[in-house]
Amino acid sequence: MPIRAAAPAELEAVYRMGFDTWAEGRTLDAYLAACRAAPKYTGGVWWVDEDADGRLTSSLLAHEIPLPSGAPAVGLGSIATPPELRGRGHGSRLIAEVIRLREASGTDVFFLFSDIAPAFYERFGFVVLGPCAKKPASILMARAEPKRLVGLLADKRFKSPDYF
């Protein structure tokens, strides 16, 4: 099945995918209420992948990030797969497809904050930029042509993404 934007009625299922990882001790109801109210979750586009039966197999959130040059950039986040489906490539497929679609529409810079070993995202061409200022346990990563990334990081107008 092709990846697509999540329908509003699917958002609760999308949020549930990350409950075991991001609940931070909250009950499911409290976690879902926090997700529904979180500006970081309402300010982007949720992408989903599904199997042949229509079951959601992975999700991610894509935020538009303005660059100093006016060129498009995308910040990826909240990449999740239901626990029982993890390790089967569903999240990897979704990441690769979102990157492919956005590159086809002119986006050449991607960011993400990794809460897992960076090697997972390095497979998609991401490089480590350093710890996240808001959440030092997370690592800021970027994907772009090396010259493009060096130029962006040298631009005094560039500010590190803070969509999460």
Protein backbone atom coordinates (compact mmCIF):
# COMPACT_ATOMS: atom_id res chain seq x y z
CA MET A 1 0.00 0.00 0.00
CA PRO A 2 1.26 3.52 -0.67
CA ILE A 3 2.00 5.75 2.28
CA ARG A 4 -0.44 8.58 2.94
CA ALA A 5 -1.38 11.34 5.31
CA ALA A 6 -3.26 10.06 8.34
CA ALA A 7 -6.96 10.78 8.53
CA PRO A 8 -8.10 12.71 11.63
CA ALA A 9 -10.01 9.65 12.84
CA GLU A 10 -6.74 7.66 12.85
CA LEU A 11 -4.76 9.96 15.12
CA GLU A 12 -5.59 8.11 18.31
CA ALA A 13 -4.24 4.89 16.76
CA VAL A 14 -1.16 6.84 15.65
CA TYR A 15 -0.59 8.20 19.17
CA ARG A 16 -1.01 4.72 20.69
CA MET A 17 1.94 3.45 18.63
CA GLY A 18 4.30 5.44 20.83
CA PHE A 19 2.63 4.93 24.21
CA ASP A 20 5.13 2.35 25.48
CA THR A 21 8.03 4.67 24.59
CA TRP A 22 6.78 8.19 25.32
CA ALA A 23 4.13 7.85 28.06
CA GLU A 24 6.62 8.87 30.78
CA GLY A 25 4.59 7.13 33.49
CA ARG A 26 1.21 8.48 32.40
CA THR A 27 -1.89 6.36 32.04
CA LEU A 28 -3.05 5.70 28.50
CA ASP A 29 -5.90 8.22 28.89
CA ALA A 30 -3.54 10.92 30.21
CA TYR A 31 -1.01 10.18 27.48
CA LEU A 32 -3.65 10.39 24.71
CA ALA A 33 -5.01 13.66 26.15
CA ALA A 34 -1.47 15.10 26.17
CA CYS A 35 -0.95 14.01 22.55
CA ARG A 36 -4.21 15.62 21.44
CA ALA A 37 -3.22 18.91 23.11
CA ALA A 38 0.47 18.98 22.13
CA PRO A 39 1.33 21.73 19.63
CA LYS A 40 4.14 19.55 18.27
CA TYR A 41 1.55 16.95 17.28
CA THR A 42 -0.93 19.35 15.72
CA GLY A 43 1.59 21.46 13.80
CA GLY A 44 2.72 18.95 11.21
CA VAL A 45 1.48 16.24 8.88
CA TRP A 46 1.16 12.70 10.20
CA TRP A 47 2.19 10.10 7.61
CA VAL A 48 1.16 6.46 7.92
CA ASP A 49 1.80 3.17 6.23
CA GLU A 50 -0.63 0.31 6.31
CA ASP A 51 -0.73 -3.34 5.41
CA ALA A 52 -2.98 -4.99 2.80
CA ASP A 53 -5.75 -5.29 5.41
CA GLY A 54 -5.70 -1.57 6.16
CA ARG A 55 -3.97 -1.94 9.54
CA LEU A 56 -1.61 0.94 10.35
CA THR A 57 1.93 -0.41 10.52
CA SER A 58 3.92 2.77 11.21
CA SER A 59 3.61 6.52 11.53
CA LEU A 60 5.73 9.63 11.58
CA LEU A 61 5.20 13.34 11.88
CA ALA A 62 6.67 15.77 9.34
CA HIS A 63 7.08 19.45 10.20
CA GLU A 64 7.88 22.18 7.71
CA ILE A 65 11.00 24.04 8.82
CA PRO A 66 11.85 27.39 7.28
CA LEU A 67 15.50 27.76 6.31
CA PRO A 68 17.19 31.17 6.11
CA SER A 69 17.35 30.87 2.31
CA GLY A 70 13.63 30.22 2.07
CA ALA A 71 14.27 26.70 0.78
CA PRO A 72 12.12 23.92 2.19
CA ALA A 73 13.27 21.62 4.96
CA VAL A 74 11.38 18.94 6.84
CA GLY A 75 11.73 17.85 10.43
CA LEU A 76 10.75 14.24 11.03
CA GLY A 77 9.65 13.00 14.42
CA SER A 78 7.54 10.66 16.50
CA ILE A 79 8.47 7.74 14.26
CA ALA A 80 6.62 4.76 15.67
CA THR A 81 5.46 1.25 14.93
CA PRO A 82 3.07 -0.79 17.09
CA PRO A 83 5.15 -2.92 19.48
CA GLU A 84 3.95 -6.19 17.99
CA LEU A 85 5.06 -5.12 14.49
CA ARG A 86 8.50 -3.73 15.31
CA GLY A 87 11.61 -5.14 13.69
CA ARG A 88 9.88 -5.93 10.40
CA GLY A 89 10.92 -2.83 8.44
CA HIS A 90 7.63 -0.93 8.61
CA GLY A 91 9.18 2.23 10.10
CA SER A 92 12.14 2.06 7.73
CA ARG A 93 9.83 1.84 4.73
CA LEU A 94 7.84 4.85 5.91
CA ILE A 95 10.94 6.97 6.54
CA ALA A 96 12.38 6.12 3.12
CA GLU A 97 9.10 6.83 1.34
CA VAL A 98 8.49 10.18 3.06
CA ILE A 99 12.03 11.26 2.18
CA ARG A 100 11.55 10.11 -1.42
CA LEU A 101 8.24 11.97 -1.78
CA ARG A 102 9.56 15.16 -0.23
CA GLU A 103 12.74 15.08 -2.32
CA ALA A 104 10.61 14.69 -5.43
CA SER A 105 8.80 17.90 -4.44
CA GLY A 106 12.04 19.84 -3.90
CA THR A 107 12.99 19.28 -0.25
CA ASP A 108 16.70 18.62 0.15
CA VAL A 109 17.23 19.06 3.91
CA PHE A 110 15.77 16.83 6.61
CA PHE A 111 16.16 16.92 10.39
CA LEU A 112 15.18 14.60 13.19
CA PHE A 113 15.76 14.16 16.90
CA SER A 114 16.84 10.61 17.70
CA ASP A 115 16.00 8.91 20.97
CA ILE A 116 17.58 5.68 19.74
CA ALA A 117 21.06 4.75 18.50
CA PRO A 118 21.90 7.11 15.61
CA ALA A 119 23.06 4.19 13.46
CA PHE A 120 19.43 3.41 12.65
CA TYR A 121 18.99 6.80 10.94
CA GLU A 122 22.48 6.87 9.45
CA ARG A 123 21.23 4.14 7.08
CA PHE A 124 19.00 6.82 5.53
CA GLY A 125 21.86 9.31 5.14
CA PHE A 126 21.39 11.22 8.40
CA VAL A 127 24.45 12.51 10.25
CA VAL A 128 24.76 13.50 13.91
CA LEU A 129 24.84 17.24 14.57
CA GLY A 130 24.84 17.06 18.39
CA PRO A 131 22.59 16.90 21.43
CA CYS A 132 19.19 18.55 21.40
CA ALA A 133 19.16 21.80 23.40
CA LYS A 134 15.68 21.16 24.86
CA LYS A 135 16.17 17.46 25.52
CA PRO A 136 19.89 16.58 25.90
CA ALA A 137 19.19 12.83 25.79
CA SER A 138 18.01 13.27 22.19
CA ILE A 139 20.44 13.69 19.32
CA LEU A 140 19.83 16.18 16.50
CA MET A 141 20.52 14.63 13.10
CA ALA A 142 20.34 15.99 9.56
CA ARG A 143 20.19 14.62 6.03
CA ALA A 144 21.42 16.73 3.12
CA GLU A 145 24.19 16.82 0.57
CA PRO A 146 27.43 17.46 2.53
CA LYS A 147 28.13 20.84 0.88
CA ARG A 148 24.53 21.91 1.48
CA LEU A 149 24.72 20.94 5.14
CA VAL A 150 28.08 22.66 5.71
CA GLY A 151 26.74 25.83 4.12
CA LEU A 152 23.57 25.72 6.15
CA LEU A 153 25.41 25.21 9.43
CA ALA A 154 27.82 28.08 8.59
CA ASP A 155 24.93 30.47 7.91
CA LYS A 156 24.68 32.75 10.96
CA ARG A 157 20.93 33.08 10.35
CA PHE A 158 20.40 29.33 10.76
CA LYS A 159 18.82 28.27 14.03
CA SER A 160 18.74 24.68 15.16
CA PRO A 161 15.27 23.19 14.69
CA ASP A 162 13.11 23.14 17.81
CA TYR A 163 9.89 21.55 16.58
CA PHE A 164 10.11 19.02 19.41
